[in-house]
């Protein structure tokens, strides 16, 4: 089946403020990267926020500036089905519910944009 990584980390930079820079980690699904199949659903928003969506109805976020690199680290706590979000070395929040309450493991990672935009990724790591 899949694995249960304990941490993901990456650098992301966007050319402009947009609904872009989507990073999802979850189970294989024909929908590919949908929130219903994701443990983590991170993205950049057009309002300049960067963060995680949660199945418990939340948007936990920090800020980003177009043209500047942003370091993101997400610690994953499988027994509690929660995550901690770190942006540029600062813990933004802990106790963030998984994006989907039904995902049991992770075997796919997706990067994509919704709006027409340019986003750069670097040094993506998944720690088991």
N, C-alpha and C. Protein backbone atom coordinates (compact mmCIF):
# COMPACT_ATOMS: atom_id res chain seq x y z
N UNK A 1 0.85 -1.18 0.00
CA UNK A 1 0.00 0.00 0.00
C UNK A 1 0.89 1.23 0.00
N UNK A 2 0.65 2.21 0.81
CA UNK A 2 1.44 3.44 0.77
C UNK A 2 2.24 3.64 2.03
N UNK A 3 2.94 4.73 2.06
CA UNK A 3 3.77 5.05 3.22
C UNK A 3 3.09 6.12 4.08
N UNK A 4 3.69 6.38 5.22
CA UNK A 4 3.20 7.42 6.12
C UNK A 4 4.37 8.34 6.46
N UNK A 5 4.71 9.24 5.54
CA UNK A 5 5.84 10.14 5.80
C UNK A 5 5.60 10.99 7.04
N UNK A 6 6.69 11.33 7.72
CA UNK A 6 6.56 12.13 8.93
C UNK A 6 6.81 13.62 8.67
N UNK A 7 7.40 13.93 7.50
CA UNK A 7 7.69 15.33 7.20
C UNK A 7 7.84 15.52 5.70
N UNK A 8 7.38 16.67 5.21
CA UNK A 8 7.71 17.11 3.86
C UNK A 8 8.26 18.53 3.98
N UNK A 9 9.16 18.86 3.08
CA UNK A 9 9.72 20.21 3.07
C UNK A 9 10.03 20.58 1.63
N UNK A 10 9.96 21.87 1.33
CA UNK A 10 10.25 22.34 -0.02
C UNK A 10 10.42 23.84 -0.02
N UNK A 11 11.01 24.32 -1.11
CA UNK A 11 11.10 25.75 -1.39
C UNK A 11 10.16 26.04 -2.55
N UNK A 12 9.45 27.16 -2.48
CA UNK A 12 8.54 27.55 -3.56
C UNK A 12 8.65 29.06 -3.77
N UNK A 13 8.54 29.46 -5.03
CA UNK A 13 8.59 30.89 -5.39
C UNK A 13 7.59 31.11 -6.51
N UNK A 14 6.78 32.13 -6.39
CA UNK A 14 5.78 32.46 -7.40
C UNK A 14 6.14 33.77 -8.07
N UNK A 15 5.86 33.87 -9.37
CA UNK A 15 6.14 35.10 -10.11
C UNK A 15 5.17 36.20 -9.74
N UNK A 16 3.93 35.82 -9.37
CA UNK A 16 2.91 36.81 -9.03
C UNK A 16 1.93 36.21 -8.04
N UNK A 17 1.09 37.05 -7.46
CA UNK A 17 0.05 36.54 -6.57
C UNK A 17 -1.03 35.88 -7.43
N UNK A 18 -1.31 34.62 -7.12
CA UNK A 18 -2.29 33.87 -7.89
C UNK A 18 -2.69 32.63 -7.10
N UNK A 19 -3.77 31.99 -7.53
CA UNK A 19 -4.14 30.69 -6.99
C UNK A 19 -3.27 29.67 -7.69
N UNK A 20 -2.13 29.41 -7.11
CA UNK A 20 -1.10 28.61 -7.78
C UNK A 20 -0.27 27.91 -6.72
N UNK A 21 0.80 27.25 -7.16
CA UNK A 21 1.70 26.61 -6.23
C UNK A 21 1.04 25.56 -5.37
N UNK A 22 0.22 24.73 -5.98
CA UNK A 22 -0.45 23.67 -5.24
C UNK A 22 0.50 22.50 -5.03
N UNK A 23 0.54 21.99 -3.80
CA UNK A 23 1.34 20.83 -3.41
C UNK A 23 0.40 19.91 -2.66
N UNK A 24 0.16 18.72 -3.21
CA UNK A 24 -0.70 17.76 -2.50
C UNK A 24 0.06 16.47 -2.28
N UNK A 25 -0.21 15.85 -1.15
CA UNK A 25 0.37 14.55 -0.80
C UNK A 25 -0.78 13.68 -0.35
N UNK A 26 -0.94 12.52 -0.99
CA UNK A 26 -2.05 11.65 -0.59
C UNK A 26 -2.05 10.33 -1.30
N UNK A 27 -3.23 9.72 -1.33
CA UNK A 27 -3.43 8.42 -1.94
C UNK A 27 -3.72 8.57 -3.42
N UNK A 28 -3.40 7.51 -4.17
CA UNK A 28 -3.72 7.51 -5.59
C UNK A 28 -5.22 7.68 -5.78
N UNK A 29 -5.57 8.52 -6.75
CA UNK A 29 -6.97 8.77 -7.08
C UNK A 29 -7.04 9.13 -8.55
N UNK A 30 -8.10 8.73 -9.20
CA UNK A 30 -8.30 9.11 -10.60
C UNK A 30 -8.40 10.62 -10.73
N UNK A 31 -8.84 11.28 -9.67
CA UNK A 31 -8.95 12.75 -9.67
C UNK A 31 -7.58 13.41 -9.55
N UNK A 32 -6.57 12.67 -9.09
CA UNK A 32 -5.19 13.17 -9.00
C UNK A 32 -5.02 14.48 -8.29
N UNK A 33 -4.63 14.44 -7.03
CA UNK A 33 -4.34 15.67 -6.29
C UNK A 33 -5.54 16.39 -5.73
N UNK A 34 -6.70 15.74 -5.74
CA UNK A 34 -7.89 16.39 -5.20
C UNK A 34 -7.82 16.43 -3.68
N UNK A 35 -8.56 17.33 -3.09
CA UNK A 35 -8.55 17.43 -1.63
C UNK A 35 -9.11 16.16 -1.00
N UNK A 36 -10.02 15.47 -1.67
CA UNK A 36 -10.62 14.25 -1.13
C UNK A 36 -9.62 13.11 -1.01
N UNK A 37 -8.52 13.17 -1.76
CA UNK A 37 -7.53 12.09 -1.71
C UNK A 37 -6.21 12.56 -1.09
N UNK A 38 -6.22 13.70 -0.39
CA UNK A 38 -4.98 14.29 0.11
C UNK A 38 -4.88 14.31 1.63
N UNK A 39 -3.70 13.99 2.11
CA UNK A 39 -3.37 14.20 3.52
C UNK A 39 -3.05 15.68 3.69
N UNK A 40 -2.20 16.20 2.78
CA UNK A 40 -1.80 17.61 2.81
C UNK A 40 -2.25 18.28 1.52
N UNK A 41 -2.79 19.48 1.66
CA UNK A 41 -3.23 20.27 0.51
C UNK A 41 -2.76 21.70 0.75
N UNK A 42 -1.55 21.98 0.28
CA UNK A 42 -0.91 23.29 0.45
C UNK A 42 -1.07 24.09 -0.84
N UNK A 43 -1.27 25.39 -0.73
CA UNK A 43 -1.21 26.24 -1.93
C UNK A 43 -1.04 27.71 -1.60
N UNK A 44 -0.71 28.44 -2.65
CA UNK A 44 -0.57 29.89 -2.60
C UNK A 44 -1.87 30.50 -3.10
N UNK A 45 -2.33 31.55 -2.47
CA UNK A 45 -3.58 32.20 -2.89
C UNK A 45 -3.29 33.58 -3.47
N UNK A 46 -4.24 34.07 -4.23
CA UNK A 46 -4.12 35.37 -4.89
C UNK A 46 -4.06 36.53 -3.89
N UNK A 47 -4.49 36.31 -2.65
CA UNK A 47 -4.44 37.38 -1.64
C UNK A 47 -3.08 37.47 -0.94
N UNK A 48 -2.11 36.63 -1.36
CA UNK A 48 -0.78 36.67 -0.78
C UNK A 48 -0.60 35.73 0.40
N UNK A 49 -1.58 34.88 0.64
CA UNK A 49 -1.43 33.91 1.73
C UNK A 49 -0.96 32.57 1.18
N UNK A 50 -0.29 31.81 2.05
CA UNK A 50 0.23 30.49 1.71
C UNK A 50 -0.10 29.57 2.88
N UNK A 51 -0.72 28.42 2.59
CA UNK A 51 -1.07 27.58 3.73
C UNK A 51 -1.70 26.25 3.38
N UNK A 52 -2.31 25.66 4.41
CA UNK A 52 -2.91 24.33 4.33
C UNK A 52 -4.42 24.40 4.50
N UNK A 53 -5.11 23.61 3.68
CA UNK A 53 -6.55 23.41 3.87
C UNK A 53 -6.74 22.21 4.79
N UNK A 54 -7.79 22.23 5.59
CA UNK A 54 -8.06 21.15 6.53
C UNK A 54 -9.48 20.64 6.36
N UNK A 55 -9.67 19.33 6.61
CA UNK A 55 -11.01 18.75 6.55
C UNK A 55 -11.90 19.28 7.66
N UNK A 56 -11.30 19.86 8.68
CA UNK A 56 -12.08 20.42 9.78
C UNK A 56 -12.55 21.84 9.47
N UNK A 57 -12.37 22.26 8.22
CA UNK A 57 -12.93 23.53 7.79
C UNK A 57 -12.02 24.73 7.95
N UNK A 58 -10.74 24.52 7.96
CA UNK A 58 -9.86 25.65 8.18
C UNK A 58 -8.88 25.91 7.06
N UNK A 59 -8.41 27.14 7.02
CA UNK A 59 -7.33 27.58 6.14
C UNK A 59 -6.28 28.17 7.05
N UNK A 60 -5.20 27.43 7.26
CA UNK A 60 -4.12 27.87 8.14
C UNK A 60 -3.02 28.44 7.26
N UNK A 61 -2.61 29.69 7.53
CA UNK A 61 -1.78 30.36 6.54
C UNK A 61 -0.72 31.26 7.14
N UNK A 62 0.27 31.51 6.28
CA UNK A 62 1.26 32.55 6.48
C UNK A 62 1.17 33.44 5.25
N UNK A 63 2.17 34.25 5.03
CA UNK A 63 2.17 35.16 3.88
C UNK A 63 3.33 34.83 2.93
N UNK A 64 3.15 35.20 1.66
CA UNK A 64 4.25 35.08 0.71
C UNK A 64 4.34 36.35 -0.12
N UNK A 65 5.54 36.59 -0.66
CA UNK A 65 5.79 37.75 -1.50
C UNK A 65 6.24 37.25 -2.87
N UNK A 66 5.56 37.67 -3.95
CA UNK A 66 5.99 37.23 -5.29
C UNK A 66 7.47 37.54 -5.52
N UNK A 67 8.15 36.60 -6.15
CA UNK A 67 9.55 36.77 -6.48
C UNK A 67 10.51 36.33 -5.38
N UNK A 68 10.00 36.06 -4.17
CA UNK A 68 10.84 35.63 -3.06
C UNK A 68 10.62 34.15 -2.77
N UNK A 69 11.71 33.45 -2.47
CA UNK A 69 11.62 32.04 -2.10
C UNK A 69 11.00 31.91 -0.72
N UNK A 70 10.15 30.91 -0.58
CA UNK A 70 9.46 30.60 0.67
C UNK A 70 9.83 29.18 1.05
N UNK A 71 10.34 28.96 2.26
CA UNK A 71 10.63 27.59 2.71
C UNK A 71 9.45 27.09 3.53
N UNK A 72 8.94 25.93 3.13
CA UNK A 72 7.78 25.33 3.79
C UNK A 72 8.20 23.97 4.36
N UNK A 73 7.83 23.74 5.61
CA UNK A 73 8.03 22.43 6.24
C UNK A 73 6.70 22.04 6.88
N UNK A 74 6.31 20.80 6.66
CA UNK A 74 5.08 20.31 7.25
C UNK A 74 5.40 19.01 7.98
N UNK A 75 5.19 19.01 9.30
CA UNK A 75 5.38 17.81 10.11
C UNK A 75 4.02 17.10 10.18
N UNK A 76 4.06 15.80 9.94
CA UNK A 76 2.82 15.01 9.85
C UNK A 76 2.72 14.06 11.03
N UNK A 77 1.60 14.11 11.73
CA UNK A 77 1.37 13.26 12.90
C UNK A 77 0.23 12.29 12.58
N UNK A 78 0.59 11.15 11.99
CA UNK A 78 -0.40 10.17 11.53
C UNK A 78 -1.32 9.66 12.65
N UNK A 79 -0.80 9.32 13.83
CA UNK A 79 -1.72 8.79 14.86
C UNK A 79 -2.84 9.76 15.23
N UNK A 80 -2.56 11.05 15.13
CA UNK A 80 -3.55 12.07 15.50
C UNK A 80 -4.24 12.70 14.29
N UNK A 81 -3.75 12.32 13.08
CA UNK A 81 -4.28 12.85 11.82
C UNK A 81 -4.22 14.38 11.80
N UNK A 82 -3.05 14.88 12.20
CA UNK A 82 -2.81 16.31 12.31
C UNK A 82 -1.46 16.66 11.69
N UNK A 83 -1.26 17.96 11.43
CA UNK A 83 0.00 18.44 10.87
C UNK A 83 0.39 19.75 11.53
N UNK A 84 1.69 20.07 11.42
CA UNK A 84 2.21 21.36 11.85
C UNK A 84 2.78 22.05 10.63
N UNK A 85 2.49 23.32 10.46
CA UNK A 85 2.97 24.10 9.32
C UNK A 85 4.03 25.09 9.77
N UNK A 86 5.18 25.04 9.09
CA UNK A 86 6.30 25.95 9.32
C UNK A 86 6.56 26.70 8.02
N UNK A 87 6.69 28.02 8.10
CA UNK A 87 7.05 28.83 6.94
C UNK A 87 8.25 29.69 7.31
N UNK A 88 9.31 29.56 6.51
CA UNK A 88 10.56 30.29 6.75
C UNK A 88 11.06 30.13 8.19
N UNK A 89 10.96 28.90 8.71
CA UNK A 89 11.47 28.59 10.03
C UNK A 89 10.57 28.95 11.19
N UNK A 90 9.43 29.55 10.92
CA UNK A 90 8.49 29.95 11.97
C UNK A 90 7.30 29.00 11.97
N UNK A 91 6.96 28.46 13.14
CA UNK A 91 5.78 27.59 13.22
C UNK A 91 4.54 28.48 13.12
N UNK A 92 3.79 28.27 12.05
CA UNK A 92 2.56 29.04 11.82
C UNK A 92 1.42 28.47 12.64
N UNK A 93 1.33 27.13 12.68
CA UNK A 93 0.26 26.49 13.43
C UNK A 93 0.56 25.02 13.63
N UNK A 94 -0.04 24.46 14.67
CA UNK A 94 0.02 23.03 14.90
C UNK A 94 -1.43 22.55 15.02
N UNK A 95 -1.61 21.26 15.10
CA UNK A 95 -2.94 20.69 15.27
C UNK A 95 -3.86 20.98 14.08
N UNK A 96 -3.30 21.00 12.88
CA UNK A 96 -4.08 21.22 11.66
C UNK A 96 -4.58 19.86 11.17
N UNK A 97 -5.88 19.71 11.02
CA UNK A 97 -6.44 18.45 10.55
C UNK A 97 -6.01 18.13 9.13
N UNK A 98 -5.89 16.82 8.83
CA UNK A 98 -5.57 16.40 7.47
C UNK A 98 -6.59 16.98 6.50
N UNK A 99 -6.20 17.13 5.25
CA UNK A 99 -7.11 17.66 4.23
C UNK A 99 -8.31 16.74 4.05
N UNK A 100 -8.10 15.44 4.06
CA UNK A 100 -9.18 14.46 3.95
C UNK A 100 -9.18 13.59 5.20
N UNK A 101 -10.34 13.35 5.74
CA UNK A 101 -10.43 12.51 6.94
C UNK A 101 -10.35 11.03 6.61
N UNK A 102 -10.41 10.66 5.33
CA UNK A 102 -10.44 9.24 4.98
C UNK A 102 -9.12 8.68 4.43
N UNK A 103 -8.15 9.51 4.16
CA UNK A 103 -6.88 9.05 3.59
C UNK A 103 -6.10 8.26 4.64
N UNK A 104 -5.60 7.08 4.25
CA UNK A 104 -4.90 6.20 5.18
C UNK A 104 -3.40 6.15 4.98
N UNK A 105 -2.91 6.60 3.84
CA UNK A 105 -1.48 6.58 3.54
C UNK A 105 -1.19 7.55 2.39
N UNK A 106 0.07 7.68 2.06
CA UNK A 106 0.45 8.59 0.97
C UNK A 106 1.30 7.83 -0.04
N UNK A 107 0.92 7.89 -1.30
CA UNK A 107 1.72 7.27 -2.36
C UNK A 107 1.83 8.16 -3.59
N UNK A 108 1.31 9.38 -3.52
CA UNK A 108 1.42 10.31 -4.64
C UNK A 108 1.64 11.73 -4.14
N UNK A 109 2.41 12.47 -4.90
CA UNK A 109 2.66 13.88 -4.65
C UNK A 109 2.35 14.61 -5.96
N UNK A 110 1.61 15.71 -5.88
CA UNK A 110 1.25 16.47 -7.08
C UNK A 110 1.65 17.93 -6.90
N UNK A 111 2.14 18.54 -7.97
CA UNK A 111 2.42 19.97 -8.04
C UNK A 111 1.63 20.52 -9.21
N UNK A 112 0.88 21.60 -8.99
CA UNK A 112 0.11 22.17 -10.10
C UNK A 112 -0.31 23.59 -9.79
N UNK A 113 -0.82 24.28 -10.81
CA UNK A 113 -1.37 25.62 -10.69
C UNK A 113 -2.84 25.57 -11.07
N UNK A 114 -3.62 26.49 -10.52
CA UNK A 114 -5.01 26.66 -10.94
C UNK A 114 -5.09 27.84 -11.89
N UNK A 115 -4.59 28.99 -11.44
CA UNK A 115 -4.53 30.17 -12.31
C UNK A 115 -3.32 30.06 -13.23
N UNK A 116 -3.37 30.84 -14.32
CA UNK A 116 -2.19 30.92 -15.20
C UNK A 116 -1.11 31.67 -14.42
N UNK A 117 -0.02 30.97 -14.15
CA UNK A 117 1.02 31.54 -13.32
C UNK A 117 2.31 30.74 -13.49
N UNK A 118 3.41 31.32 -13.05
CA UNK A 118 4.69 30.64 -13.06
C UNK A 118 5.11 30.44 -11.60
N UNK A 119 5.42 29.19 -11.26
CA UNK A 119 5.85 28.85 -9.91
C UNK A 119 7.09 27.96 -10.01
N UNK A 120 8.09 28.24 -9.19
CA UNK A 120 9.30 27.43 -9.16
C UNK A 120 9.32 26.62 -7.87
N UNK A 121 9.80 25.39 -7.96
CA UNK A 121 9.94 24.49 -6.82
C UNK A 121 11.40 24.07 -6.72
N UNK A 122 11.87 23.84 -5.49
CA UNK A 122 13.24 23.38 -5.30
C UNK A 122 13.33 22.56 -4.02
N UNK A 123 14.27 21.62 -4.04
CA UNK A 123 14.65 20.85 -2.85
C UNK A 123 13.45 20.24 -2.13
N UNK A 124 12.61 19.54 -2.86
CA UNK A 124 11.46 18.87 -2.27
C UNK A 124 11.94 17.60 -1.58
N UNK A 125 11.60 17.45 -0.29
CA UNK A 125 11.99 16.24 0.43
C UNK A 125 10.78 15.65 1.15
N UNK A 126 10.77 14.33 1.21
CA UNK A 126 9.74 13.59 1.93
C UNK A 126 10.48 12.65 2.88
N UNK A 127 10.30 12.84 4.17
CA UNK A 127 10.99 12.02 5.18
C UNK A 127 10.06 10.94 5.69
N UNK A 128 10.52 9.71 5.60
CA UNK A 128 9.70 8.58 6.08
C UNK A 128 9.99 8.28 7.53
